[in-house]
N, C-alpha and C. Protein backbone atom coordinates (compact mmCIF):
# COMPACT_ATOMS: atom_id res chain seq x y z
N UNK A 1 108.59 127.22 66.35
CA UNK A 1 108.55 126.24 67.42
C UNK A 1 107.61 125.08 67.14
N UNK A 2 106.48 125.32 66.50
CA UNK A 2 105.62 124.23 66.13
C UNK A 2 104.62 123.82 67.22
N UNK A 3 103.86 122.76 66.88
CA UNK A 3 102.84 122.26 67.82
C UNK A 3 103.49 121.52 68.97
N UNK A 4 102.86 121.66 70.11
CA UNK A 4 103.31 120.87 71.30
C UNK A 4 102.64 119.53 71.22
N UNK A 5 103.41 118.47 71.28
CA UNK A 5 102.96 117.09 71.17
C UNK A 5 103.38 116.30 72.39
N UNK A 6 102.77 115.12 72.55
CA UNK A 6 103.25 114.17 73.55
C UNK A 6 104.68 113.79 73.20
N UNK A 7 105.50 113.68 74.26
CA UNK A 7 106.91 113.46 74.07
C UNK A 7 107.28 112.17 73.32
N UNK A 8 106.43 111.10 73.54
CA UNK A 8 106.76 109.79 72.99
C UNK A 8 106.86 109.77 71.46
N UNK A 9 106.23 110.71 70.78
CA UNK A 9 106.25 110.70 69.30
C UNK A 9 107.23 111.64 68.69
N UNK A 10 107.86 112.45 69.50
CA UNK A 10 108.69 113.54 68.98
C UNK A 10 109.91 113.02 68.21
N UNK A 11 110.16 113.70 67.04
CA UNK A 11 111.40 113.45 66.30
C UNK A 11 111.25 112.38 65.22
N UNK A 12 110.12 111.73 65.12
CA UNK A 12 109.95 110.71 64.09
C UNK A 12 108.70 111.05 63.27
N UNK A 13 108.84 111.30 61.95
CA UNK A 13 107.68 111.76 61.19
C UNK A 13 106.54 110.71 61.18
N UNK A 14 106.85 109.43 61.14
CA UNK A 14 105.79 108.38 61.14
C UNK A 14 105.04 108.44 62.49
N UNK A 15 105.79 108.53 63.56
CA UNK A 15 105.19 108.57 64.91
C UNK A 15 104.34 109.86 65.04
N UNK A 16 104.86 110.97 64.58
CA UNK A 16 104.15 112.24 64.71
C UNK A 16 102.87 112.23 63.90
N UNK A 17 102.89 111.65 62.71
CA UNK A 17 101.69 111.57 61.87
C UNK A 17 100.63 110.65 62.56
N UNK A 18 101.07 109.56 63.11
CA UNK A 18 100.16 108.65 63.83
C UNK A 18 99.57 109.33 65.05
N UNK A 19 100.41 110.05 65.79
CA UNK A 19 99.96 110.79 66.98
C UNK A 19 98.95 111.85 66.57
N UNK A 20 99.25 112.59 65.47
CA UNK A 20 98.42 113.73 65.08
C UNK A 20 97.10 113.31 64.45
N UNK A 21 97.08 112.16 63.78
CA UNK A 21 95.90 111.76 62.98
C UNK A 21 95.08 110.66 63.58
N UNK A 22 95.68 109.83 64.42
CA UNK A 22 94.96 108.62 64.87
C UNK A 22 94.92 108.45 66.40
N UNK A 23 96.06 108.45 67.05
CA UNK A 23 96.15 108.03 68.43
C UNK A 23 95.22 108.89 69.31
N UNK A 24 94.31 108.20 70.01
CA UNK A 24 93.40 108.90 70.89
C UNK A 24 92.10 109.31 70.24
N UNK A 25 91.93 109.08 68.93
CA UNK A 25 90.70 109.41 68.24
C UNK A 25 89.69 108.28 68.48
N UNK A 26 88.52 108.62 69.02
CA UNK A 26 87.53 107.56 69.30
C UNK A 26 87.15 106.77 68.01
N UNK A 27 87.25 105.48 68.13
CA UNK A 27 87.00 104.56 67.02
C UNK A 27 85.95 103.55 67.43
N UNK A 28 84.89 103.39 66.64
CA UNK A 28 83.82 102.48 67.01
C UNK A 28 83.64 101.33 66.03
N UNK A 29 84.25 101.40 64.88
CA UNK A 29 84.09 100.36 63.84
C UNK A 29 84.74 99.05 64.32
N UNK A 30 83.92 97.98 64.36
CA UNK A 30 84.44 96.71 64.88
C UNK A 30 85.61 96.14 64.16
N UNK A 31 85.62 96.24 62.79
CA UNK A 31 86.73 95.72 62.03
C UNK A 31 88.00 96.51 62.28
N UNK A 32 87.90 97.81 62.34
CA UNK A 32 89.10 98.62 62.66
C UNK A 32 89.57 98.36 64.08
N UNK A 33 88.65 98.19 65.04
CA UNK A 33 89.03 97.83 66.36
C UNK A 33 89.74 96.46 66.40
N UNK A 34 89.24 95.53 65.63
CA UNK A 34 89.87 94.21 65.51
C UNK A 34 91.28 94.34 64.99
N UNK A 35 91.45 95.17 63.95
CA UNK A 35 92.79 95.43 63.39
C UNK A 35 93.73 95.95 64.51
N UNK A 36 93.26 96.98 65.22
CA UNK A 36 94.13 97.53 66.27
C UNK A 36 94.46 96.49 67.33
N UNK A 37 93.49 95.67 67.71
CA UNK A 37 93.78 94.66 68.72
C UNK A 37 94.84 93.66 68.24
N UNK A 38 94.76 93.25 66.97
CA UNK A 38 95.76 92.33 66.44
C UNK A 38 97.09 92.99 66.36
N UNK A 39 97.15 94.28 65.94
CA UNK A 39 98.41 94.95 65.83
C UNK A 39 99.03 95.21 67.19
N UNK A 40 98.23 95.52 68.20
CA UNK A 40 98.75 95.67 69.56
C UNK A 40 99.33 94.34 70.06
N UNK A 41 98.69 93.24 69.73
CA UNK A 41 99.20 91.93 70.12
C UNK A 41 100.52 91.61 69.42
N UNK A 42 100.62 92.00 68.13
CA UNK A 42 101.85 91.81 67.38
C UNK A 42 103.01 92.64 67.97
N UNK A 43 102.62 93.76 68.57
CA UNK A 43 103.62 94.68 69.13
C UNK A 43 104.22 94.17 70.41
N UNK A 44 103.57 93.23 71.10
CA UNK A 44 104.03 92.78 72.42
C UNK A 44 105.55 92.49 72.42
N UNK A 45 106.25 93.19 73.29
CA UNK A 45 107.70 93.00 73.42
C UNK A 45 108.52 93.82 72.43
N UNK A 46 107.83 94.55 71.56
CA UNK A 46 108.53 95.38 70.57
C UNK A 46 108.06 96.82 70.73
N UNK A 47 108.68 97.74 69.95
CA UNK A 47 108.21 99.11 70.02
C UNK A 47 107.05 99.25 69.03
N UNK A 48 106.16 100.18 69.31
CA UNK A 48 105.01 100.41 68.44
C UNK A 48 105.46 100.90 67.06
N UNK A 49 106.53 101.67 66.99
CA UNK A 49 107.00 102.18 65.69
C UNK A 49 107.35 101.06 64.74
N UNK A 50 107.82 99.93 65.29
CA UNK A 50 108.10 98.73 64.45
C UNK A 50 106.83 98.26 63.75
N UNK A 51 105.78 98.16 64.51
CA UNK A 51 104.49 97.70 63.94
C UNK A 51 103.89 98.78 63.04
N UNK A 52 103.96 99.99 63.45
CA UNK A 52 103.42 101.11 62.66
C UNK A 52 104.05 101.14 61.24
N UNK A 53 105.31 100.94 61.18
CA UNK A 53 106.02 100.95 59.90
C UNK A 53 105.70 99.71 59.04
N UNK A 54 105.18 98.68 59.68
CA UNK A 54 104.83 97.45 58.99
C UNK A 54 103.30 97.34 58.77
N UNK A 55 102.55 98.35 59.20
CA UNK A 55 101.09 98.23 59.21
C UNK A 55 100.51 97.94 57.81
N UNK A 56 100.98 98.63 56.78
CA UNK A 56 100.48 98.34 55.46
C UNK A 56 100.77 96.92 55.02
N UNK A 57 101.96 96.44 55.40
CA UNK A 57 102.29 95.04 55.10
C UNK A 57 101.32 94.11 55.83
N UNK A 58 101.05 94.43 57.08
CA UNK A 58 100.08 93.60 57.86
C UNK A 58 98.73 93.56 57.16
N UNK A 59 98.26 94.71 56.73
CA UNK A 59 96.94 94.79 56.09
C UNK A 59 96.90 93.90 54.85
N UNK A 60 97.97 93.94 54.09
CA UNK A 60 98.02 93.10 52.88
C UNK A 60 98.15 91.62 53.26
N UNK A 61 99.04 91.32 54.19
CA UNK A 61 99.30 89.91 54.56
C UNK A 61 98.08 89.27 55.23
N UNK A 62 97.33 90.08 56.01
CA UNK A 62 96.18 89.54 56.76
C UNK A 62 94.85 89.93 56.14
N UNK A 63 94.80 90.04 54.81
CA UNK A 63 93.52 90.27 54.10
C UNK A 63 92.70 91.41 54.66
N UNK A 64 93.38 92.56 54.85
CA UNK A 64 92.73 93.76 55.37
C UNK A 64 92.05 93.49 56.71
N UNK A 65 92.52 92.56 57.45
CA UNK A 65 92.02 92.19 58.78
C UNK A 65 90.58 91.74 58.74
N UNK A 66 90.19 91.05 57.69
CA UNK A 66 88.84 90.50 57.59
C UNK A 66 88.80 89.23 58.45
N UNK A 67 88.03 89.27 59.55
CA UNK A 67 88.01 88.14 60.47
C UNK A 67 87.54 86.82 59.79
N UNK A 68 86.63 86.91 58.85
CA UNK A 68 86.15 85.70 58.17
C UNK A 68 87.29 85.03 57.42
N UNK A 69 88.10 85.81 56.74
CA UNK A 69 89.21 85.23 55.96
C UNK A 69 90.30 84.73 56.90
N UNK A 70 90.62 85.50 57.92
CA UNK A 70 91.73 85.09 58.80
C UNK A 70 91.30 83.85 59.61
N UNK A 71 90.09 83.73 60.01
CA UNK A 71 89.58 82.56 60.78
C UNK A 71 89.73 81.28 59.96
N UNK A 72 89.70 81.38 58.63
CA UNK A 72 89.77 80.21 57.74
C UNK A 72 91.19 79.84 57.39
N UNK A 73 92.19 80.58 57.87
CA UNK A 73 93.57 80.26 57.52
C UNK A 73 93.94 78.84 57.93
N UNK A 74 94.58 78.14 57.00
CA UNK A 74 95.10 76.82 57.28
C UNK A 74 96.60 76.88 57.46
N UNK A 75 97.20 75.72 57.55
CA UNK A 75 98.66 75.65 57.76
C UNK A 75 99.42 76.33 56.61
N UNK A 76 99.00 76.17 55.37
CA UNK A 76 99.72 76.94 54.27
C UNK A 76 99.70 78.44 54.47
N UNK A 77 98.60 78.99 54.97
CA UNK A 77 98.51 80.39 55.23
C UNK A 77 99.48 80.80 56.34
N UNK A 78 99.53 79.99 57.44
CA UNK A 78 100.43 80.32 58.51
C UNK A 78 101.89 80.23 58.06
N UNK A 79 102.18 79.25 57.20
CA UNK A 79 103.54 79.14 56.64
C UNK A 79 103.88 80.33 55.78
N UNK A 80 102.88 80.77 54.96
CA UNK A 80 103.10 81.98 54.11
C UNK A 80 103.41 83.19 54.98
N UNK A 81 102.68 83.34 56.08
CA UNK A 81 102.88 84.48 56.97
C UNK A 81 104.26 84.39 57.65
N UNK A 82 104.64 83.17 58.05
CA UNK A 82 105.98 83.01 58.69
C UNK A 82 107.08 83.35 57.76
N UNK A 83 106.84 83.27 56.47
CA UNK A 83 107.90 83.57 55.47
C UNK A 83 107.84 85.04 55.00
N UNK A 84 106.87 85.80 55.47
CA UNK A 84 106.66 87.17 55.00
C UNK A 84 107.58 88.14 55.77
N UNK A 85 108.58 88.74 55.12
CA UNK A 85 109.50 89.65 55.84
C UNK A 85 108.83 90.98 56.17
N UNK A 86 107.65 91.27 55.64
CA UNK A 86 106.97 92.51 55.91
C UNK A 86 106.24 92.58 57.21
N UNK A 87 106.19 91.45 57.95
CA UNK A 87 105.53 91.45 59.26
C UNK A 87 106.47 90.84 60.27
N UNK A 88 106.08 90.87 61.52
CA UNK A 88 106.87 90.22 62.57
C UNK A 88 106.56 88.74 62.48
N UNK A 89 107.61 87.96 62.24
CA UNK A 89 107.42 86.53 62.01
C UNK A 89 107.60 85.74 63.29
N UNK A 90 106.54 85.78 64.06
CA UNK A 90 106.51 85.13 65.34
C UNK A 90 105.33 84.15 65.27
N UNK A 91 105.61 82.84 65.35
CA UNK A 91 104.59 81.80 65.14
C UNK A 91 103.39 81.99 66.11
N UNK A 92 103.69 82.32 67.38
CA UNK A 92 102.60 82.46 68.36
C UNK A 92 101.71 83.64 68.02
N UNK A 93 102.29 84.75 67.61
CA UNK A 93 101.53 85.96 67.28
C UNK A 93 100.70 85.73 65.97
N UNK A 94 101.25 85.04 65.05
CA UNK A 94 100.57 84.76 63.80
C UNK A 94 99.36 83.81 64.06
N UNK A 95 99.61 82.76 64.85
CA UNK A 95 98.52 81.85 65.20
C UNK A 95 97.46 82.57 66.04
N UNK A 96 97.90 83.52 66.83
CA UNK A 96 96.96 84.27 67.67
C UNK A 96 95.96 85.06 66.80
N UNK A 97 96.41 85.57 65.66
CA UNK A 97 95.51 86.32 64.77
C UNK A 97 94.38 85.43 64.32
N UNK A 98 94.69 84.17 63.97
CA UNK A 98 93.63 83.27 63.55
C UNK A 98 92.69 82.95 64.71
N UNK A 99 93.30 82.67 65.86
CA UNK A 99 92.48 82.37 67.05
C UNK A 99 91.56 83.53 67.40
N UNK A 100 92.10 84.74 67.33
CA UNK A 100 91.31 85.93 67.68
C UNK A 100 90.21 86.19 66.64
N UNK A 101 90.51 85.90 65.38
CA UNK A 101 89.46 86.05 64.35
C UNK A 101 88.33 85.07 64.61
N UNK A 102 88.67 83.86 65.03
CA UNK A 102 87.61 82.86 65.33
C UNK A 102 86.81 83.31 66.56
N UNK A 103 87.48 83.87 67.54
CA UNK A 103 86.77 84.36 68.70
C UNK A 103 85.86 85.53 68.36
N UNK A 104 86.31 86.42 67.47
CA UNK A 104 85.51 87.52 66.97
C UNK A 104 84.23 86.99 66.31
N UNK A 105 84.42 85.99 65.44
CA UNK A 105 83.26 85.44 64.77
C UNK A 105 82.29 84.71 65.69
N UNK A 106 82.87 84.04 66.71
CA UNK A 106 82.01 83.41 67.70
C UNK A 106 81.14 84.42 68.43
N UNK A 107 81.76 85.55 68.76
CA UNK A 107 80.99 86.63 69.38
C UNK A 107 79.86 87.10 68.47
N UNK A 108 80.18 87.31 67.20
CA UNK A 108 79.18 87.69 66.22
C UNK A 108 78.04 86.69 66.15
N UNK A 109 78.40 85.41 66.05
CA UNK A 109 77.39 84.34 65.98
C UNK A 109 76.50 84.34 67.21
N UNK A 110 77.04 84.68 68.34
CA UNK A 110 76.27 84.73 69.60
C UNK A 110 75.49 86.03 69.71
N UNK A 111 75.54 86.91 68.73
CA UNK A 111 74.82 88.15 68.80
C UNK A 111 75.48 89.24 69.61
N UNK A 112 76.79 89.06 69.87
CA UNK A 112 77.50 90.03 70.69
C UNK A 112 78.36 90.93 69.82
N UNK A 113 78.20 92.22 69.95
CA UNK A 113 78.89 93.19 69.13
C UNK A 113 80.26 93.48 69.74
N UNK A 114 81.32 93.30 68.92
CA UNK A 114 82.70 93.47 69.38
C UNK A 114 82.93 94.91 69.89
N UNK A 115 82.51 95.91 69.15
CA UNK A 115 82.70 97.32 69.52
C UNK A 115 81.96 97.58 70.84
N UNK A 116 80.75 97.16 70.91
CA UNK A 116 79.93 97.41 72.11
C UNK A 116 80.59 96.81 73.38
N UNK A 117 81.13 95.58 73.25
CA UNK A 117 81.79 94.97 74.37
C UNK A 117 82.97 95.84 74.79
N UNK A 118 83.79 96.20 73.85
CA UNK A 118 85.05 96.95 74.19
C UNK A 118 84.73 98.30 74.83
N UNK A 119 83.75 99.01 74.24
CA UNK A 119 83.40 100.29 74.77
C UNK A 119 82.66 100.23 76.08
N UNK A 120 82.16 99.08 76.45
CA UNK A 120 81.47 98.94 77.75
C UNK A 120 82.44 99.14 78.91
N UNK A 121 83.73 98.93 78.70
CA UNK A 121 84.69 99.05 79.76
C UNK A 121 85.02 100.51 80.13
N UNK A 122 84.51 101.43 79.31
CA UNK A 122 84.62 102.87 79.60
C UNK A 122 83.22 103.48 79.66
N UNK A 123 82.24 102.67 79.95
CA UNK A 123 80.84 103.13 80.03
C UNK A 123 80.38 103.86 78.76
N UNK A 124 80.84 103.36 77.61
CA UNK A 124 80.40 103.85 76.30
C UNK A 124 80.93 105.20 75.91
N UNK A 125 81.74 105.84 76.77
CA UNK A 125 82.21 107.17 76.42
C UNK A 125 83.73 107.28 76.75
N UNK A 126 84.48 107.97 75.93
CA UNK A 126 85.93 108.09 76.21
C UNK A 126 86.21 108.70 77.56
N UNK A 127 87.20 108.17 78.22
CA UNK A 127 87.66 108.70 79.54
C UNK A 127 88.69 109.74 79.24
N UNK A 128 88.46 110.97 79.70
CA UNK A 128 89.40 112.05 79.44
C UNK A 128 90.33 112.14 80.64
N UNK A 129 91.59 111.75 80.46
CA UNK A 129 92.57 111.85 81.53
C UNK A 129 93.26 113.23 81.42
N UNK A 130 93.87 113.61 82.49
CA UNK A 130 94.54 114.94 82.53
C UNK A 130 95.96 114.82 83.07
N UNK A 131 96.74 114.03 82.41
CA UNK A 131 98.11 113.84 82.82
C UNK A 131 98.98 115.02 82.28
N UNK A 132 99.78 115.58 83.15
CA UNK A 132 100.66 116.67 82.76
C UNK A 132 101.98 116.16 82.17
N UNK A 133 102.37 114.95 82.55
CA UNK A 133 103.64 114.36 82.16
C UNK A 133 103.41 112.94 81.67
N UNK A 134 104.06 112.59 80.58
CA UNK A 134 103.91 111.25 80.05
C UNK A 134 104.33 110.16 81.05
N UNK A 135 105.21 110.49 81.96
CA UNK A 135 105.67 109.52 82.94
C UNK A 135 104.53 109.12 83.91
N UNK A 136 103.48 109.98 84.01
CA UNK A 136 102.36 109.71 84.87
C UNK A 136 101.29 108.77 84.25
N UNK A 137 101.41 108.54 82.96
CA UNK A 137 100.43 107.68 82.26
C UNK A 137 100.62 106.24 82.69
N UNK A 138 99.61 105.57 83.15
CA UNK A 138 99.75 104.17 83.57
C UNK A 138 99.89 103.21 82.42
N UNK A 139 100.45 102.05 82.67
CA UNK A 139 100.57 100.99 81.67
C UNK A 139 99.32 100.10 81.66
N UNK A 140 98.64 100.05 82.80
CA UNK A 140 97.40 99.28 82.91
C UNK A 140 96.45 100.03 83.83
N UNK A 141 95.19 99.68 83.76
CA UNK A 141 94.18 100.19 84.64
C UNK A 141 93.22 99.08 85.04
N UNK A 142 92.32 99.33 85.94
CA UNK A 142 91.31 98.34 86.27
C UNK A 142 90.46 98.02 85.04
N UNK A 143 90.15 99.03 84.24
CA UNK A 143 89.34 98.83 83.03
C UNK A 143 90.08 97.93 82.04
N UNK A 144 91.37 98.14 81.86
CA UNK A 144 92.13 97.31 80.91
C UNK A 144 92.24 95.88 81.43
N UNK A 145 92.33 95.69 82.70
CA UNK A 145 92.36 94.37 83.29
C UNK A 145 91.02 93.65 83.10
N UNK A 146 89.95 94.39 83.28
CA UNK A 146 88.61 93.82 83.05
C UNK A 146 88.43 93.46 81.56
N UNK A 147 88.84 94.33 80.68
CA UNK A 147 88.75 94.04 79.22
C UNK A 147 89.55 92.80 78.90
N UNK A 148 90.76 92.69 79.44
CA UNK A 148 91.61 91.53 79.20
C UNK A 148 90.90 90.24 79.62
N UNK A 149 90.34 90.24 80.84
CA UNK A 149 89.64 89.08 81.35
C UNK A 149 88.44 88.69 80.42
N UNK A 150 87.69 89.71 80.01
CA UNK A 150 86.51 89.47 79.19
C UNK A 150 86.89 88.90 77.84
N UNK A 151 87.97 89.42 77.24
CA UNK A 151 88.42 88.91 75.95
C UNK A 151 88.97 87.50 76.06
N UNK A 152 89.76 87.25 77.09
CA UNK A 152 90.31 85.90 77.31
C UNK A 152 89.18 84.88 77.52
N UNK A 153 88.16 85.25 78.24
CA UNK A 153 87.02 84.42 78.48
C UNK A 153 86.31 84.01 77.16
N UNK A 154 86.41 84.92 76.19
CA UNK A 154 85.76 84.67 74.89
C UNK A 154 86.71 83.98 73.90
N UNK A 155 87.92 83.65 74.34
CA UNK A 155 88.85 82.90 73.52
C UNK A 155 89.96 83.65 72.84
N UNK A 156 90.05 84.98 73.11
CA UNK A 156 91.14 85.76 72.53
C UNK A 156 92.44 85.54 73.31
N UNK A 157 93.55 85.75 72.63
CA UNK A 157 94.84 85.76 73.35
C UNK A 157 95.72 86.91 72.82
N UNK A 158 96.85 87.10 73.48
CA UNK A 158 97.68 88.28 73.30
C UNK A 158 96.84 89.52 73.61
N UNK A 159 96.11 89.46 74.73
CA UNK A 159 95.21 90.54 75.15
C UNK A 159 95.38 90.74 76.66
N UNK A 160 96.62 90.82 77.12
CA UNK A 160 96.85 91.09 78.53
C UNK A 160 96.47 92.54 78.87
N UNK A 161 96.42 92.88 80.15
CA UNK A 161 96.04 94.24 80.55
C UNK A 161 96.85 95.37 79.96
N UNK A 162 98.16 95.15 79.75
CA UNK A 162 99.00 96.19 79.17
C UNK A 162 98.66 96.38 77.69
N UNK A 163 98.50 95.28 76.95
CA UNK A 163 98.09 95.37 75.54
C UNK A 163 96.72 96.02 75.45
N UNK A 164 95.81 95.65 76.33
CA UNK A 164 94.47 96.24 76.30
C UNK A 164 94.49 97.74 76.59
N UNK A 165 95.40 98.13 77.51
CA UNK A 165 95.43 99.58 77.79
C UNK A 165 96.03 100.34 76.62
N UNK A 166 97.08 99.83 75.99
CA UNK A 166 97.64 100.49 74.79
C UNK A 166 96.56 100.59 73.69
N UNK A 167 95.77 99.51 73.56
CA UNK A 167 94.66 99.49 72.60
C UNK A 167 93.61 100.53 72.95
N UNK A 168 93.31 100.70 74.21
CA UNK A 168 92.32 101.69 74.64
C UNK A 168 92.83 103.12 74.33
N UNK A 169 94.10 103.34 74.53
CA UNK A 169 94.69 104.63 74.21
C UNK A 169 94.64 104.92 72.71
N UNK A 170 95.04 103.92 71.93
CA UNK A 170 95.14 104.09 70.48
C UNK A 170 93.76 104.37 69.87
N UNK A 171 92.72 103.72 70.39
CA UNK A 171 91.40 103.80 69.79
C UNK A 171 90.49 104.83 70.46
N UNK A 172 91.08 105.68 71.32
CA UNK A 172 90.31 106.79 71.90
C UNK A 172 89.35 106.39 72.98
N UNK A 173 89.45 105.22 73.53
CA UNK A 173 88.61 104.88 74.65
C UNK A 173 89.07 105.65 75.89
N UNK A 174 90.36 105.98 75.90
CA UNK A 174 90.88 106.90 76.92
C UNK A 174 91.69 107.96 76.14
N UNK A 175 91.69 109.16 76.65
CA UNK A 175 92.50 110.25 76.09
C UNK A 175 93.69 110.44 76.99
N UNK A 176 94.81 109.89 76.61
CA UNK A 176 96.06 110.01 77.38
C UNK A 176 97.04 110.97 76.76
N UNK A 177 96.60 111.84 75.88
CA UNK A 177 97.47 112.93 75.42
C UNK A 177 97.72 113.78 76.66
N UNK A 178 98.94 114.20 76.86
CA UNK A 178 99.25 115.07 78.03
C UNK A 178 98.52 116.39 77.81
N UNK A 179 98.23 117.05 78.91
CA UNK A 179 97.33 118.23 78.83
C UNK A 179 97.89 119.38 77.99
N UNK A 180 99.21 119.49 77.89
CA UNK A 180 99.71 120.59 77.06
C UNK A 180 99.94 120.17 75.61
N UNK A 181 99.59 118.94 75.26
CA UNK A 181 99.63 118.47 73.87
C UNK A 181 98.42 119.04 73.13
N UNK A 182 98.60 119.55 71.94
CA UNK A 182 97.50 120.17 71.22
C UNK A 182 96.37 119.15 70.93
N UNK A 183 96.71 117.86 70.87
CA UNK A 183 95.71 116.83 70.58
C UNK A 183 94.80 116.53 71.77
N UNK A 184 95.21 116.87 72.95
CA UNK A 184 94.35 116.60 74.15
C UNK A 184 93.01 117.26 73.98
N UNK A 185 93.01 118.56 73.66
CA UNK A 185 91.78 119.31 73.49
C UNK A 185 90.97 118.80 72.29
N UNK A 186 91.68 118.47 71.19
CA UNK A 186 90.98 117.93 70.00
C UNK A 186 90.27 116.63 70.28
N UNK A 187 90.97 115.72 70.95
CA UNK A 187 90.38 114.41 71.28
C UNK A 187 89.29 114.55 72.32
N UNK A 188 89.44 115.48 73.24
CA UNK A 188 88.38 115.72 74.23
C UNK A 188 87.09 116.24 73.55
N UNK A 189 87.28 117.09 72.52
CA UNK A 189 86.11 117.58 71.80
C UNK A 189 85.48 116.44 70.99
N UNK A 190 86.30 115.58 70.38
CA UNK A 190 85.76 114.43 69.64
C UNK A 190 84.98 113.49 70.56
N UNK A 191 85.50 113.36 71.81
CA UNK A 191 84.86 112.45 72.80
C UNK A 191 83.48 112.92 73.14
N UNK A 192 83.25 114.24 73.15
CA UNK A 192 81.93 114.77 73.47
C UNK A 192 80.91 114.51 72.34
N UNK A 193 81.43 114.19 71.12
CA UNK A 193 80.52 114.00 69.97
C UNK A 193 80.16 112.51 69.77
N UNK A 194 80.84 111.60 70.48
CA UNK A 194 80.55 110.15 70.24
C UNK A 194 79.55 109.64 71.26
């Protein structure tokens, strides 16, 4: 019969691996958080599996998500990205990556830590939810709306409340594995250690 998992990942080996190894695991590294935020923005209007399957291409195309390099992109870089079949070729989303990298660096210059800001919306500790059914998991919360407003105020875009909530789930700020999923208990245990 195998392990009980959240229904959304069932039947696809890429999704199951992502679910089993990453989704809901608390992540504090600012560069990895930046990567997830950009990927969640790229996903807007698409399925996450589309972005997941292109993630390695994104890492290569966007210089391993180094904000300093992305912030310096000029028009030739944007044109290169628009011609890259390994990523989603949406001009607004590509330009957003540069804008968000610049906002990230502005925060750094102002002495503001990206990870600390993001984790402040869950009071520095993962929120352990106890949903029995995936249909009960919300698309947004007050915390994701607050995060969205704070990021927009700092110059980020493609960071609406829904994107922010998906980001919070992916990076373990909230544990939205359903209670009978084997990863719920694992992620709850990880949350107690951060």
